[in-house]
Amino acid sequence: MTQIFSIGIAGLKAAEQRVSIAAQNIANTQSAGYVRLRPEQVSQGGHPVVTARPDAGVAPFDGLADDLVSMRIAQHSHSASAAIIRTGDEMTRRVLDLFA
């Protein structure tokens, strides 16, 4: 049962990292010499993990739309991960009610 919570928390952390990368890219749009970072989500031990990869082929301003889309993806990922945690909590309560 605790695995469902760790999956949900890992999803929340992945969404947070995705937002952080997009925010860093947006904040540095006009910084000279800044190389955009691209979020890359992989599975590690069955849990989602987001890493930042340099995106040297794109000028900082040209990737602004990508960053806004990435933030929207993170919003949906965050909502889905929170729903996983809520579902796990509800399942735990129901199991405890069976034994009460």
N, C-alpha and C. Protein backbone atom coordinates (compact mmCIF):
# COMPACT_ATOMS: atom_id res chain seq x y z
N MET A 1 0.83 -1.20 0.00
CA MET A 1 0.00 0.00 0.00
C MET A 1 0.87 1.26 0.00
N THR A 2 2.02 1.21 0.66
CA THR A 2 2.86 2.41 0.72
C THR A 2 3.48 2.73 -0.64
N GLN A 3 3.56 1.73 -1.52
CA GLN A 3 4.15 1.98 -2.84
C GLN A 3 3.31 2.99 -3.62
N ILE A 4 2.01 2.96 -3.46
CA ILE A 4 1.17 3.91 -4.18
C ILE A 4 1.48 5.34 -3.75
N PHE A 5 1.79 5.53 -2.47
CA PHE A 5 2.13 6.86 -1.99
C PHE A 5 3.49 7.30 -2.52
N SER A 6 4.45 6.38 -2.57
CA SER A 6 5.77 6.76 -3.08
C SER A 6 5.71 7.07 -4.57
N ILE A 7 4.85 6.39 -5.31
CA ILE A 7 4.67 6.69 -6.74
C ILE A 7 4.06 8.08 -6.90
N GLY A 8 3.04 8.37 -6.11
CA GLY A 8 2.41 9.69 -6.16
C GLY A 8 3.37 10.81 -5.80
N ILE A 9 4.15 10.60 -4.76
CA ILE A 9 5.12 11.62 -4.33
C ILE A 9 6.21 11.81 -5.39
N ALA A 10 6.66 10.71 -5.99
CA ALA A 10 7.66 10.82 -7.06
C ALA A 10 7.10 11.60 -8.24
N GLY A 11 5.83 11.40 -8.54
CA GLY A 11 5.18 12.16 -9.62
C GLY A 11 5.11 13.64 -9.29
N LEU A 12 4.80 13.96 -8.04
CA LEU A 12 4.77 15.37 -7.62
C LEU A 12 6.15 16.01 -7.75
N LYS A 13 7.17 15.27 -7.34
CA LYS A 13 8.54 15.79 -7.44
C LYS A 13 8.95 15.98 -8.90
N ALA A 14 8.55 15.06 -9.77
CA ALA A 14 8.88 15.17 -11.19
C ALA A 14 8.20 16.40 -11.79
N ALA A 15 6.95 16.64 -11.42
CA ALA A 15 6.24 17.83 -11.91
C ALA A 15 6.91 19.10 -11.41
N GLU A 16 7.33 19.08 -10.15
CA GLU A 16 8.02 20.24 -9.58
C GLU A 16 9.32 20.53 -10.33
N GLN A 17 10.06 19.49 -10.65
CA GLN A 17 11.33 19.65 -11.37
C GLN A 17 11.08 20.20 -12.78
N ARG A 18 10.03 19.72 -13.42
CA ARG A 18 9.69 20.19 -14.77
C ARG A 18 9.37 21.69 -14.74
N VAL A 19 8.61 22.13 -13.73
CA VAL A 19 8.28 23.56 -13.60
C VAL A 19 9.55 24.36 -13.32
N SER A 20 10.41 23.83 -12.48
CA SER A 20 11.65 24.52 -12.15
C SER A 20 12.52 24.75 -13.38
N ILE A 21 12.63 23.74 -14.23
CA ILE A 21 13.43 23.86 -15.45
C ILE A 21 12.81 24.89 -16.39
N ALA A 22 11.49 24.83 -16.57
CA ALA A 22 10.82 25.79 -17.45
C ALA A 22 10.97 27.21 -16.92
N ALA A 23 10.82 27.38 -15.62
CA ALA A 23 10.95 28.71 -15.02
C ALA A 23 12.37 29.25 -15.20
N GLN A 24 13.35 28.39 -15.04
CA GLN A 24 14.74 28.81 -15.24
C GLN A 24 14.97 29.25 -16.68
N ASN A 25 14.41 28.50 -17.62
CA ASN A 25 14.55 28.86 -19.03
C ASN A 25 13.88 30.20 -19.33
N ILE A 26 12.68 30.40 -18.79
CA ILE A 26 11.94 31.65 -19.03
C ILE A 26 12.68 32.82 -18.40
N ALA A 27 13.18 32.63 -17.18
CA ALA A 27 13.88 33.71 -16.49
C ALA A 27 15.16 34.12 -17.21
N ASN A 28 15.78 33.18 -17.91
CA ASN A 28 17.05 33.45 -18.59
C ASN A 28 16.89 33.65 -20.09
N THR A 29 15.68 33.92 -20.55
CA THR A 29 15.42 34.07 -21.98
C THR A 29 16.36 35.07 -22.63
N GLN A 30 16.63 36.17 -21.96
CA GLN A 30 17.47 37.21 -22.56
C GLN A 30 18.89 37.24 -21.99
N SER A 31 19.26 36.22 -21.25
CA SER A 31 20.62 36.16 -20.70
C SER A 31 21.61 35.72 -21.78
N ALA A 32 22.66 36.51 -21.94
CA ALA A 32 23.68 36.18 -22.94
C ALA A 32 24.40 34.89 -22.57
N GLY A 33 24.53 34.00 -23.53
CA GLY A 33 25.28 32.77 -23.31
C GLY A 33 24.51 31.67 -22.60
N TYR A 34 23.26 31.92 -22.23
CA TYR A 34 22.48 30.90 -21.53
C TYR A 34 22.09 29.79 -22.50
N VAL A 35 22.27 28.56 -22.09
CA VAL A 35 21.85 27.41 -22.88
C VAL A 35 20.59 26.85 -22.22
N ARG A 36 19.52 26.80 -22.99
CA ARG A 36 18.26 26.27 -22.48
C ARG A 36 18.44 24.85 -21.96
N LEU A 37 17.64 24.51 -20.98
CA LEU A 37 17.59 23.15 -20.47
C LEU A 37 16.29 22.52 -20.94
N ARG A 38 16.35 21.24 -21.21
CA ARG A 38 15.17 20.52 -21.67
C ARG A 38 14.86 19.44 -20.64
N PRO A 39 13.62 19.43 -20.11
CA PRO A 39 13.28 18.38 -19.15
C PRO A 39 13.16 17.03 -19.86
N GLU A 40 13.69 16.02 -19.23
CA GLU A 40 13.61 14.67 -19.79
C GLU A 40 13.12 13.75 -18.68
N GLN A 41 11.94 13.17 -18.88
CA GLN A 41 11.36 12.31 -17.86
C GLN A 41 11.65 10.86 -18.18
N VAL A 42 12.20 10.17 -17.21
CA VAL A 42 12.52 8.75 -17.34
C VAL A 42 11.96 8.01 -16.13
N SER A 43 11.93 6.71 -16.22
CA SER A 43 11.48 5.90 -15.10
C SER A 43 12.70 5.31 -14.41
N GLN A 44 12.75 5.49 -13.09
CA GLN A 44 13.85 4.95 -12.31
C GLN A 44 13.25 4.13 -11.18
N GLY A 45 13.42 2.85 -11.25
CA GLY A 45 12.84 1.99 -10.22
C GLY A 45 11.31 2.04 -10.23
N GLY A 46 10.73 2.26 -11.40
CA GLY A 46 9.28 2.32 -11.51
C GLY A 46 8.70 3.67 -11.14
N HIS A 47 9.54 4.65 -10.84
CA HIS A 47 9.08 5.98 -10.46
C HIS A 47 9.56 7.00 -11.49
N PRO A 48 8.72 8.02 -11.78
CA PRO A 48 9.15 9.04 -12.73
C PRO A 48 10.20 9.96 -12.14
N VAL A 49 11.21 10.27 -12.93
CA VAL A 49 12.28 11.19 -12.53
C VAL A 49 12.52 12.14 -13.70
N VAL A 50 12.63 13.43 -13.41
CA VAL A 50 12.89 14.41 -14.46
C VAL A 50 14.32 14.92 -14.30
N THR A 51 15.06 14.87 -15.40
CA THR A 51 16.41 15.42 -15.41
C THR A 51 16.46 16.57 -16.41
N ALA A 52 17.45 17.42 -16.27
CA ALA A 52 17.61 18.57 -17.17
C ALA A 52 18.75 18.29 -18.14
N ARG A 53 18.47 18.39 -19.41
CA ARG A 53 19.48 18.20 -20.45
C ARG A 53 19.67 19.51 -21.20
N PRO A 54 20.90 19.86 -21.54
CA PRO A 54 21.11 21.07 -22.34
C PRO A 54 20.45 20.94 -23.71
N ASP A 55 19.80 21.99 -24.14
CA ASP A 55 19.14 22.02 -25.44
C ASP A 55 19.86 23.05 -26.30
N ALA A 56 21.08 22.73 -26.69
CA ALA A 56 21.96 23.69 -27.35
C ALA A 56 21.48 24.09 -28.74
N GLY A 57 20.60 23.31 -29.34
CA GLY A 57 20.17 23.62 -30.70
C GLY A 57 19.11 24.70 -30.80
N VAL A 58 18.61 25.19 -29.68
CA VAL A 58 17.52 26.17 -29.69
C VAL A 58 17.95 27.42 -28.96
N ALA A 59 17.72 28.57 -29.57
CA ALA A 59 18.00 29.84 -28.90
C ALA A 59 17.03 30.00 -27.74
N PRO A 60 17.44 30.65 -26.63
CA PRO A 60 16.57 30.76 -25.46
C PRO A 60 15.17 31.28 -25.76
N PHE A 61 15.04 32.32 -26.58
CA PHE A 61 13.72 32.88 -26.84
C PHE A 61 12.88 31.95 -27.70
N ASP A 62 13.50 31.21 -28.60
CA ASP A 62 12.77 30.32 -29.50
C ASP A 62 12.09 29.18 -28.75
N GLY A 63 12.57 28.85 -27.58
CA GLY A 63 11.99 27.75 -26.81
C GLY A 63 10.93 28.18 -25.82
N LEU A 64 10.52 29.44 -25.86
CA LEU A 64 9.55 29.94 -24.89
C LEU A 64 8.23 29.17 -24.96
N ALA A 65 7.75 28.89 -26.16
CA ALA A 65 6.50 28.12 -26.30
C ALA A 65 6.67 26.73 -25.70
N ASP A 66 7.84 26.12 -25.92
CA ASP A 66 8.10 24.79 -25.35
C ASP A 66 8.05 24.83 -23.83
N ASP A 67 8.58 25.91 -23.25
CA ASP A 67 8.58 26.03 -21.80
C ASP A 67 7.16 26.20 -21.25
N LEU A 68 6.34 26.96 -21.95
CA LEU A 68 4.95 27.13 -21.52
C LEU A 68 4.18 25.82 -21.62
N VAL A 69 4.43 25.06 -22.67
CA VAL A 69 3.80 23.74 -22.81
C VAL A 69 4.30 22.81 -21.71
N SER A 70 5.58 22.87 -21.41
CA SER A 70 6.15 22.04 -20.35
C SER A 70 5.51 22.34 -19.00
N MET A 71 5.23 23.62 -18.76
CA MET A 71 4.57 23.99 -17.50
C MET A 71 3.15 23.45 -17.45
N ARG A 72 2.47 23.43 -18.59
CA ARG A 72 1.11 22.89 -18.64
C ARG A 72 1.13 21.37 -18.41
N ILE A 73 2.11 20.70 -19.00
CA ILE A 73 2.28 19.26 -18.78
C ILE A 73 2.52 18.99 -17.30
N ALA A 74 3.36 19.81 -16.68
CA ALA A 74 3.65 19.65 -15.25
C ALA A 74 2.39 19.84 -14.42
N GLN A 75 1.54 20.78 -14.82
CA GLN A 75 0.29 21.01 -14.09
C GLN A 75 -0.59 19.75 -14.11
N HIS A 76 -0.72 19.14 -15.29
CA HIS A 76 -1.54 17.93 -15.40
C HIS A 76 -0.89 16.75 -14.67
N SER A 77 0.42 16.66 -14.74
CA SER A 77 1.15 15.60 -14.04
C SER A 77 0.97 15.74 -12.53
N HIS A 78 1.03 16.97 -12.06
CA HIS A 78 0.84 17.24 -10.63
C HIS A 78 -0.56 16.82 -10.20
N SER A 79 -1.57 17.18 -10.98
CA SER A 79 -2.95 16.82 -10.66
C SER A 79 -3.13 15.30 -10.63
N ALA A 80 -2.54 14.61 -11.61
CA ALA A 80 -2.65 13.15 -11.66
C ALA A 80 -1.95 12.50 -10.47
N SER A 81 -0.79 13.02 -10.10
CA SER A 81 -0.06 12.46 -8.96
C SER A 81 -0.80 12.69 -7.65
N ALA A 82 -1.41 13.87 -7.52
CA ALA A 82 -2.21 14.15 -6.32
C ALA A 82 -3.41 13.22 -6.26
N ALA A 83 -4.01 12.91 -7.41
CA ALA A 83 -5.14 11.98 -7.45
C ALA A 83 -4.71 10.58 -7.03
N ILE A 84 -3.49 10.18 -7.39
CA ILE A 84 -2.97 8.87 -6.97
C ILE A 84 -2.87 8.82 -5.45
N ILE A 85 -2.36 9.89 -4.86
CA ILE A 85 -2.22 9.93 -3.40
C ILE A 85 -3.59 9.91 -2.73
N ARG A 86 -4.53 10.68 -3.26
CA ARG A 86 -5.89 10.68 -2.69
C ARG A 86 -6.53 9.30 -2.79
N THR A 87 -6.34 8.63 -3.93
CA THR A 87 -6.90 7.29 -4.11
C THR A 87 -6.27 6.31 -3.12
N GLY A 88 -4.96 6.40 -2.95
CA GLY A 88 -4.28 5.53 -1.98
C GLY A 88 -4.77 5.77 -0.57
N ASP A 89 -5.01 7.04 -0.24
CA ASP A 89 -5.52 7.38 1.08
C ASP A 89 -6.92 6.79 1.28
N GLU A 90 -7.75 6.92 0.27
CA GLU A 90 -9.11 6.37 0.35
C GLU A 90 -9.09 4.85 0.47
N MET A 91 -8.21 4.20 -0.28
CA MET A 91 -8.10 2.74 -0.20
C MET A 91 -7.64 2.31 1.19
N THR A 92 -6.69 3.03 1.75
CA THR A 92 -6.20 2.73 3.09
C THR A 92 -7.32 2.87 4.12
N ARG A 93 -8.09 3.94 4.00
CA ARG A 93 -9.22 4.14 4.93
C ARG A 93 -10.23 3.01 4.83
N ARG A 94 -10.53 2.59 3.61
CA ARG A 94 -11.52 1.51 3.43
C ARG A 94 -11.02 0.19 4.01
N VAL A 95 -9.74 -0.09 3.83
CA VAL A 95 -9.18 -1.32 4.41
C VAL A 95 -9.24 -1.26 5.93
N LEU A 96 -8.90 -0.10 6.50
CA LEU A 96 -8.96 0.05 7.95
C LEU A 96 -10.39 -0.08 8.46
N ASP A 97 -11.35 0.44 7.69
CA ASP A 97 -12.76 0.31 8.08
C ASP A 97 -13.21 -1.15 8.09
N LEU A 98 -12.65 -1.96 7.20
CA LEU A 98 -13.00 -3.38 7.17
C LEU A 98 -12.59 -4.09 8.45
N PHE A 99 -11.49 -3.66 9.04
CA PHE A 99 -10.97 -4.31 10.24
C PHE A 99 -11.41 -3.63 11.52
N ALA A 100 -12.16 -2.55 11.41
CA ALA A 100 -12.59 -1.82 12.61
C ALA A 100 -13.85 -2.41 13.20
